[in-house]
C-alpha cells in the first residue's frame, strides 16, 4: 500500500519540480525559440516557406528516437545538477527567484530575475533586500529590511517593507508575529536581470501556457537531430 506523504513533504516535492522546470526553461528558452522557428519553417529558394516538421517525425527511426529521449533526459539532469550546485555555492534553497509583484518598484519590477545568497556568517542589515518565507504562505516574498531588533543574547529579529508599499509587512506575517527571524530568510538579493522571468509568471498565471511550453520543449528536443 502507498503511504500518504505529509503535507510539508508534498509541498517540497512540488516546489522542487517547479524549480527544475523553471531552470530548464531558462537554460533552453533561447534555443527553443530558434529551433521552433527553424523546424516549422525553412526558406525554399529564398521566397517560399515549407513545413517540414512532420517529415522530421516520420524520418526518425527507433534508434534516433531513443537517442533524442536520452538527450532530453541529459538536459533535464544537467539543469538539476546546476541548480543543486548553485544551492551549495550560495547557501540558499532558492538561488534564483522571480519577482511576482510590483511591491518593490522601482528597485525591482514584476518579472525581474533575482540571484540570491544566504550565507550564515553574513549579518542582516537595514536596507538589505531579502527573500523570506511566511508560515502558511507557499510563495516567498521579496522586500527590504526596515528595522532590526537585537536581543541581549545576540538574537537578531527584523521587520520588512516593500518599497512601493505604504505600510510595513506586519499585516503579512502570521497572526501574532511582529518580527522575522534569520530562519525565515530564503536569501538576500545580490544581483538581477530585468524582465527575463516574465515567462515564469506567464506559466504561473496561465497553466495551459505552461503545459504547452513543456510539450513543445519536449517535442522539439526529440525531433531536432542537429
Protein backbone atom coordinates (compact mmCIF):
# COMPACT_ATOMS: atom_id res chain seq x y z
CA UNK A 1 0.00 0.00 0.00
CA UNK A 2 1.06 3.57 -0.69
CA UNK A 3 1.72 5.68 2.39
CA UNK A 4 0.30 9.17 2.31
CA UNK A 5 3.04 11.83 2.24
CA UNK A 6 2.93 14.59 4.86
CA UNK A 7 1.68 17.94 3.55
CA UNK A 8 5.07 19.61 4.08
CA UNK A 9 6.87 16.84 2.16
CA UNK A 10 4.38 17.05 -0.69
CA UNK A 11 4.82 20.83 -0.87
CA UNK A 12 8.60 20.47 -1.06
CA UNK A 13 8.35 17.87 -3.82
CA UNK A 14 6.13 20.12 -5.93
CA UNK A 15 8.43 23.09 -5.26
CA UNK A 16 11.42 21.04 -6.45
CA UNK A 17 9.56 20.00 -9.60
CA UNK A 18 8.61 23.63 -10.26
CA UNK A 19 12.18 24.81 -9.72
CA UNK A 20 13.56 22.14 -12.04
CA UNK A 21 11.09 23.11 -14.75
CA UNK A 22 11.91 26.79 -14.32
CA UNK A 23 15.66 26.35 -14.53
CA UNK A 24 15.29 24.05 -17.55
CA UNK A 25 13.14 26.66 -19.25
CA UNK A 26 15.67 29.39 -18.56
CA UNK A 27 18.57 27.37 -19.97
CA UNK A 28 16.73 26.15 -23.05
CA UNK A 29 14.40 29.09 -23.79
CA UNK A 30 16.66 30.81 -26.29
CA UNK A 31 17.46 27.58 -28.11
CA UNK A 32 13.80 26.60 -28.09
CA UNK A 33 12.76 29.77 -29.90
CA UNK A 34 15.47 29.30 -32.51
CA UNK A 35 14.70 25.62 -33.04
CA UNK A 36 10.95 26.17 -33.23
CA UNK A 37 11.20 28.74 -36.00
CA UNK A 38 13.69 26.67 -37.95
CA UNK A 39 11.79 23.41 -37.51
CA UNK A 40 8.45 24.81 -38.56
CA UNK A 41 9.58 26.98 -41.42
CA UNK A 42 12.55 26.89 -43.79
CA UNK A 43 13.28 29.23 -46.63
CA UNK A 44 12.90 27.49 -50.02
CA UNK A 45 14.67 29.32 -52.91
CA UNK A 46 14.66 32.42 -50.74
CA UNK A 47 10.92 33.13 -51.12
CA UNK A 48 8.84 30.03 -50.29
CA UNK A 49 8.22 28.57 -46.83
CA UNK A 50 7.83 24.82 -46.36
CA UNK A 51 6.58 22.91 -43.35
CA UNK A 52 8.99 20.03 -42.63
CA UNK A 53 8.14 19.25 -39.01
CA UNK A 54 6.02 16.16 -39.77
CA UNK A 55 8.63 14.92 -42.22
CA UNK A 56 11.22 15.04 -39.44
CA UNK A 57 9.00 12.91 -37.23
CA UNK A 58 8.33 10.34 -39.99
CA UNK A 59 12.01 10.01 -40.87
CA UNK A 60 13.05 9.25 -37.30
CA UNK A 61 13.72 5.57 -36.59
CA UNK A 62 13.59 4.00 -33.14
CA UNK A 63 17.31 4.43 -32.57
CA UNK A 64 17.12 8.15 -33.26
CA UNK A 65 14.05 8.48 -31.05
CA UNK A 66 15.79 6.73 -28.14
CA UNK A 67 18.82 8.97 -28.63
CA UNK A 68 16.69 12.10 -28.53
CA UNK A 69 14.86 10.91 -25.40
CA UNK A 70 18.24 10.30 -23.77
CA UNK A 71 19.41 13.72 -24.90
CA UNK A 72 16.36 15.38 -23.36
CA UNK A 73 16.93 13.48 -20.11
CA UNK A 74 20.54 14.66 -20.03
CA UNK A 75 19.41 18.28 -20.47
CA UNK A 76 17.00 17.99 -17.55
CA UNK A 77 19.58 16.20 -15.39
CA UNK A 78 22.25 18.79 -16.20
CA UNK A 79 19.89 21.62 -15.29
CA UNK A 80 19.03 19.91 -12.00
CA UNK A 81 22.72 19.39 -11.18
CA UNK A 82 23.46 23.04 -11.93
CA UNK A 83 20.59 24.05 -9.64
CA UNK A 84 21.87 21.83 -6.82
CA UNK A 85 25.36 23.21 -7.33
CA UNK A 86 24.05 26.77 -7.05
CA UNK A 87 22.29 25.82 -3.80
CA UNK A 88 25.59 24.60 -2.33
CA UNK A 89 27.61 27.61 -3.52
CA UNK A 90 25.08 30.27 -2.46
CA UNK A 91 23.75 28.59 0.68
CA UNK A 92 20.19 29.32 -0.45
CA UNK A 93 17.45 26.78 -1.10
CA UNK A 94 16.29 29.02 -3.98
CA UNK A 95 19.34 30.76 -5.51
CA UNK A 96 17.25 32.14 -8.38
CA UNK A 97 13.77 33.63 -7.93
CA UNK A 98 11.37 35.72 -10.00
CA UNK A 99 9.70 38.91 -8.72
CA UNK A 100 5.95 38.28 -8.95
CA UNK A 101 4.52 41.64 -7.87
CA UNK A 102 5.23 45.36 -8.06
CA UNK A 103 5.69 45.88 -4.31
CA UNK A 104 9.43 46.54 -4.73
CA UNK A 105 9.22 49.09 -7.56
CA UNK A 106 11.22 51.00 -8.61
CA UNK A 107 14.09 48.81 -7.31
CA UNK A 108 12.69 45.65 -8.90
CA UNK A 109 9.82 45.15 -11.32
CA UNK A 110 7.49 42.26 -11.97
CA UNK A 111 9.35 39.64 -13.98
CA UNK A 112 12.86 40.53 -12.80
CA UNK A 113 15.11 37.55 -12.11
CA UNK A 114 16.98 37.77 -8.78
CA UNK A 115 20.19 35.99 -7.77
CA UNK A 116 20.35 35.16 -4.05
CA UNK A 117 22.88 34.10 -1.44
CA UNK A 118 22.19 33.08 2.14
CA UNK A 119 25.48 32.56 3.95
CA UNK A 120 25.11 32.04 7.69
CA UNK A 121 28.03 34.29 8.58
CA UNK A 122 26.61 37.34 6.77
CA UNK A 123 24.70 39.63 9.18
CA UNK A 124 21.35 41.08 8.17
CA UNK A 125 21.49 44.86 7.71
CA UNK A 126 18.91 47.63 7.45
CA UNK A 127 18.24 48.47 3.81
CA UNK A 128 19.14 45.00 2.58
CA UNK A 129 16.70 43.28 0.22
CA UNK A 130 15.79 39.80 1.44
CA UNK A 131 13.59 36.97 0.23
CA UNK A 132 11.71 35.40 3.13
CA UNK A 133 9.04 32.80 3.69
CA UNK A 134 5.98 33.22 5.90
CA UNK A 135 4.39 30.25 7.62
CA UNK A 136 1.20 29.37 5.77
CA UNK A 137 2.34 31.00 2.51
CA UNK A 138 3.90 28.89 -0.23
CA UNK A 139 5.35 31.77 -2.28
CA UNK A 140 8.33 33.67 -0.78
CA UNK A 141 8.24 37.48 -0.52
CA UNK A 142 10.91 39.91 -1.75
CA UNK A 143 11.07 43.02 0.49
CA UNK A 144 13.59 45.36 2.13
CA UNK A 145 14.73 45.22 5.76
CA UNK A 146 13.21 48.24 7.52
CA UNK A 147 14.23 47.77 11.16
CA UNK A 148 16.44 45.43 13.18
CA UNK A 149 15.81 44.41 16.80
CA UNK A 150 18.71 42.78 18.65
CA UNK A 151 18.09 40.99 21.93
CA UNK A 152 20.53 40.87 24.84
CA UNK A 153 21.51 37.30 23.92
CA UNK A 154 22.55 38.47 20.44
CA UNK A 155 19.49 37.09 18.64
CA UNK A 156 18.50 39.23 15.67
CA UNK A 157 14.94 39.95 14.59
CA UNK A 158 13.93 42.28 11.80
CA UNK A 159 10.96 43.99 10.15
CA UNK A 160 10.47 44.27 6.38
CA UNK A 161 8.57 46.51 4.00
CA UNK A 162 8.05 46.76 0.25
CA UNK A 163 9.48 49.93 -1.30
CA UNK A 164 6.18 50.52 -3.11
CA UNK A 165 4.01 49.79 -0.05
CA UNK A 166 2.77 52.43 2.37
CA UNK A 167 2.99 50.23 5.49
CA UNK A 168 5.36 47.57 6.82
CA UNK A 169 4.83 43.82 6.46
CA UNK A 170 3.35 43.03 9.87
CA UNK A 171 0.00 42.53 8.17
CA UNK A 172 1.57 39.79 6.02
CA UNK A 173 3.15 37.88 8.88
CA UNK A 174 1.28 35.09 10.61
CA UNK A 175 -1.10 36.17 13.43
CA UNK A 176 0.82 37.30 16.50
CA UNK A 177 4.15 37.59 14.64
CA UNK A 178 5.71 41.07 14.63
CA UNK A 179 9.29 40.29 13.57
CA UNK A 180 11.08 37.92 11.24
CA UNK A 181 14.00 35.73 12.26
CA UNK A 182 17.02 34.59 10.31
CA UNK A 183 15.49 31.14 9.84
CA UNK A 184 12.72 32.75 7.77
CA UNK A 185 15.20 34.09 5.20
CA UNK A 186 15.48 32.21 1.89
CA UNK A 187 18.20 34.51 0.55
CA UNK A 188 19.47 38.06 0.02
CA UNK A 189 19.39 39.74 -3.37
CA UNK A 190 22.89 40.08 -4.86
CA UNK A 191 22.04 40.80 -8.49
CA UNK A 192 19.22 40.74 -11.01
CA UNK A 193 18.37 40.51 -14.70
CA UNK A 194 15.35 42.66 -15.69
CA UNK A 195 12.17 41.06 -17.02
CA UNK A 196 13.73 37.73 -18.03
CA UNK A 197 11.47 35.89 -15.59
CA UNK A 198 8.26 37.05 -17.28
CA UNK A 199 7.96 33.61 -18.92
CA UNK A 200 7.72 32.03 -15.47
CA UNK A 201 4.97 34.47 -14.50
CA UNK A 202 3.01 33.63 -17.65
CA UNK A 203 3.31 29.93 -16.87
CA UNK A 204 2.05 30.51 -13.32
CA UNK A 205 -0.82 32.75 -14.41
CA UNK A 206 -1.84 30.58 -17.36
CA UNK A 207 -1.37 26.84 -16.63
CA UNK A 208 -2.35 25.90 -20.19
CA UNK A 209 0.52 28.02 -21.49
CA UNK A 210 2.88 26.20 -19.13
CA UNK A 211 1.78 22.78 -20.39
CA UNK A 212 2.03 23.98 -24.00
CA UNK A 213 5.59 25.21 -23.45
CA UNK A 214 6.54 21.95 -21.75
CA UNK A 215 5.00 19.92 -24.58
CA UNK A 216 6.74 21.96 -27.29
CA UNK A 217 10.00 21.86 -25.39
CA UNK A 218 9.98 18.08 -25.20
CA UNK A 219 8.72 17.67 -28.77
CA UNK A 220 11.31 19.93 -30.36
CA UNK A 221 14.18 18.37 -28.43
CA UNK A 222 13.01 14.91 -29.52
CA UNK A 223 12.72 15.68 -33.24
CA UNK A 224 15.69 18.03 -33.52
CA UNK A 225 18.51 15.93 -34.90
CA UNK A 226 21.27 18.50 -35.46
